[in-house]
Amino acid sequence: MIDLILRDANLRPDLFKWRGKLSVSDLERWERAHSITVPRDLKQLWSTRGGGDLFESEVVLQPFGAADYDLIGPVSEAFWKRGLDAELYVFHTGLWDSVFRKSDGTLYSLAPKSLSQRSKFQGLDDWFKALRSEYADRYGLAGGGAI
């Protein structure tokens, strides 16, 4: 589910700069071409809003349709060269970096220096709640993570 991120984006559109929705058929073609299982809710976000910039320092990457520094492929390649397991694809950079596992779409945050998996998330709302907790008070997002 992506309810919380969409609710916050509607409540405070000044904090969310989206790149524009991507077609579901193009996303599915990209998945097949790269033998990747994208988390269903991340694919839903891309197909409704695309990637984008959140708060002041967070970036949700996307598979195509943006500059290289905002694309999953080039950013993941840079992480792989630093030692990240090639089974993991970076989909978010910012306060911490976030990845999904290619084979099953499981979401994780990364430990900064070791690039090891730090936290596992049940879905994109769970991931966003963790991220949001850093910004909710500063930006007046009521509920501190609760829907």
Protein backbone atom coordinates (compact mmCIF):
# COMPACT_ATOMS: atom_id res chain seq x y z
CA MET A 1 0.00 0.00 0.00
CA ILE A 2 1.10 3.56 -0.65
CA ASP A 3 -1.69 5.30 1.24
CA LEU A 4 0.50 7.22 3.69
CA ILE A 5 2.93 8.64 1.15
CA LEU A 6 0.04 9.73 -1.11
CA ARG A 7 -1.82 11.27 1.81
CA ASP A 8 1.25 13.26 2.87
CA ALA A 9 1.93 14.29 -0.74
CA ASN A 10 -1.63 15.65 -0.98
CA LEU A 11 -1.40 17.33 2.42
CA ARG A 12 2.01 18.94 1.74
CA PRO A 13 2.65 18.99 -2.03
CA ASP A 14 5.51 21.43 -1.45
CA LEU A 15 7.50 18.55 0.12
CA PHE A 16 7.06 16.13 -2.81
CA LYS A 17 8.41 16.81 -6.30
CA TRP A 18 7.28 13.91 -8.50
CA ARG A 19 8.73 13.18 -11.94
CA GLY A 20 5.45 11.94 -13.42
CA LYS A 21 3.76 8.58 -13.67
CA LEU A 22 5.27 5.71 -15.65
CA SER A 23 3.16 3.30 -17.67
CA VAL A 24 2.49 -0.07 -16.08
CA SER A 25 3.25 -1.90 -19.35
CA ASP A 26 6.65 -0.13 -19.61
CA LEU A 27 7.40 -1.00 -15.98
CA GLU A 28 6.53 -4.66 -16.57
CA ARG A 29 8.68 -4.71 -19.73
CA TRP A 30 11.59 -3.25 -17.71
CA GLU A 31 11.10 -5.91 -15.00
CA ARG A 32 11.19 -8.72 -17.57
CA ALA A 33 14.21 -7.26 -19.40
CA HIS A 34 16.18 -7.16 -16.13
CA SER A 35 14.72 -10.31 -14.50
CA ILE A 36 13.62 -8.21 -11.53
CA THR A 37 10.69 -8.49 -9.16
CA VAL A 38 9.77 -4.93 -8.21
CA PRO A 39 7.73 -4.64 -5.02
CA ARG A 40 4.08 -4.25 -6.01
CA ASP A 41 3.60 -1.06 -4.00
CA LEU A 42 6.77 0.54 -5.41
CA LYS A 43 5.50 -0.24 -8.90
CA GLN A 44 2.17 1.32 -7.87
CA LEU A 45 3.97 4.49 -6.74
CA TRP A 46 5.89 4.69 -10.02
CA SER A 47 2.72 4.18 -12.05
CA THR A 48 0.83 6.90 -10.17
CA ARG A 49 3.55 9.47 -9.40
CA GLY A 50 6.91 8.22 -10.69
CA GLY A 51 10.04 8.74 -8.64
CA GLY A 52 10.85 12.09 -7.12
CA ASP A 53 12.31 14.23 -4.39
CA LEU A 54 10.79 14.08 -0.91
CA PHE A 55 11.32 16.41 2.02
CA GLU A 56 14.69 18.11 1.62
CA SER A 57 17.09 15.27 0.96
CA GLU A 58 15.26 12.09 -0.05
CA VAL A 59 15.15 10.73 -3.60
CA VAL A 60 12.94 7.91 -4.84
CA LEU A 61 14.67 6.54 -7.92
CA GLN A 62 12.85 5.12 -10.93
CA PRO A 63 13.81 2.64 -13.67
CA PHE A 64 13.67 4.98 -16.70
CA GLY A 65 12.52 8.44 -17.76
CA ALA A 66 14.88 10.54 -15.62
CA ALA A 67 18.50 11.69 -15.44
CA ASP A 68 21.07 8.97 -14.68
CA TYR A 69 21.48 10.14 -11.08
CA ASP A 70 17.73 9.52 -10.55
CA LEU A 71 17.68 6.06 -12.16
CA ILE A 72 17.85 2.72 -10.38
CA GLY A 73 20.34 1.19 -12.84
CA PRO A 74 23.20 3.71 -12.72
CA VAL A 75 22.81 4.34 -8.98
CA SER A 76 22.73 0.60 -8.21
CA GLU A 77 25.82 0.06 -10.40
CA ALA A 78 27.71 2.64 -8.35
CA PHE A 79 26.69 0.80 -5.16
CA TRP A 80 27.68 -2.59 -6.64
CA LYS A 81 31.16 -1.20 -7.36
CA ARG A 82 31.36 -0.26 -3.66
CA GLY A 83 30.48 -3.83 -2.66
CA LEU A 84 26.68 -4.00 -2.55
CA ASP A 85 25.32 -7.44 -3.39
CA ALA A 86 24.18 -7.40 -7.06
CA GLU A 87 20.92 -9.05 -5.94
CA LEU A 88 19.96 -5.69 -4.40
CA TYR A 89 18.75 -2.66 -6.35
CA VAL A 90 18.82 0.82 -4.84
CA PHE A 91 15.45 2.59 -5.06
CA HIS A 92 16.00 5.39 -2.53
CA THR A 93 18.87 7.61 -1.41
CA GLY A 94 18.88 10.14 1.40
CA LEU A 95 19.20 9.90 5.17
CA TRP A 96 19.88 6.25 4.53
CA ASP A 97 19.81 4.22 1.33
CA SER A 98 17.06 1.73 0.58
CA VAL A 99 17.05 -1.32 -1.67
CA PHE A 100 14.82 -4.10 -2.88
CA ARG A 101 15.94 -7.66 -3.50
CA LYS A 102 15.82 -8.54 -7.20
CA SER A 103 14.44 -12.05 -6.71
CA ASP A 104 11.47 -11.31 -4.46
CA GLY A 105 11.12 -7.54 -4.01
CA THR A 106 11.82 -7.48 -0.27
CA LEU A 107 12.65 -3.94 0.94
CA TYR A 108 15.62 -3.09 3.19
CA SER A 109 17.53 -0.09 4.41
CA LEU A 110 21.32 -0.26 4.25
CA ALA A 111 23.95 0.33 6.89
CA PRO A 112 25.94 3.32 5.57
CA LYS A 113 29.51 2.05 5.60
CA SER A 114 29.14 -1.70 5.29
CA LEU A 115 26.21 -1.65 2.83
CA SER A 116 24.74 -4.56 4.76
CA GLN A 117 21.00 -4.91 5.17
CA ARG A 118 19.94 -2.99 8.25
CA SER A 119 16.14 -2.94 8.47
CA LYS A 120 13.58 -5.04 6.63
CA PHE A 121 10.27 -3.42 5.70
CA GLN A 122 6.91 -5.12 5.19
CA GLY A 123 6.08 -2.79 2.32
CA LEU A 124 6.43 0.75 1.04
CA ASP A 125 4.12 2.22 3.71
CA ASP A 126 6.27 0.57 6.40
CA TRP A 127 9.40 2.00 4.72
CA PHE A 128 7.80 5.45 4.41
CA LYS A 129 6.75 5.44 8.08
CA ALA A 130 10.39 4.96 9.08
CA LEU A 131 11.52 7.74 6.75
CA ARG A 132 8.64 10.00 7.69
CA SER A 133 9.47 9.74 11.40
CA GLU A 134 12.55 11.87 10.68
CA TYR A 135 10.46 14.68 9.16
CA ALA A 136 6.91 14.54 10.59
CA ASP A 137 7.39 17.02 13.43
CA ARG A 138 9.46 19.44 11.35
CA TYR A 139 6.82 19.63 8.62
CA GLY A 140 3.66 19.32 10.65
CA LEU A 141 2.65 15.90 9.40
CA ALA A 142 0.15 14.82 12.01
CA GLY A 143 0.19 11.35 13.45
CA GLY A 144 3.94 10.71 13.36
CA GLY A 145 3.47 7.77 11.01
CA ALA A 146 -0.01 6.52 11.82
CA ILE A 147 -2.67 6.52 9.12
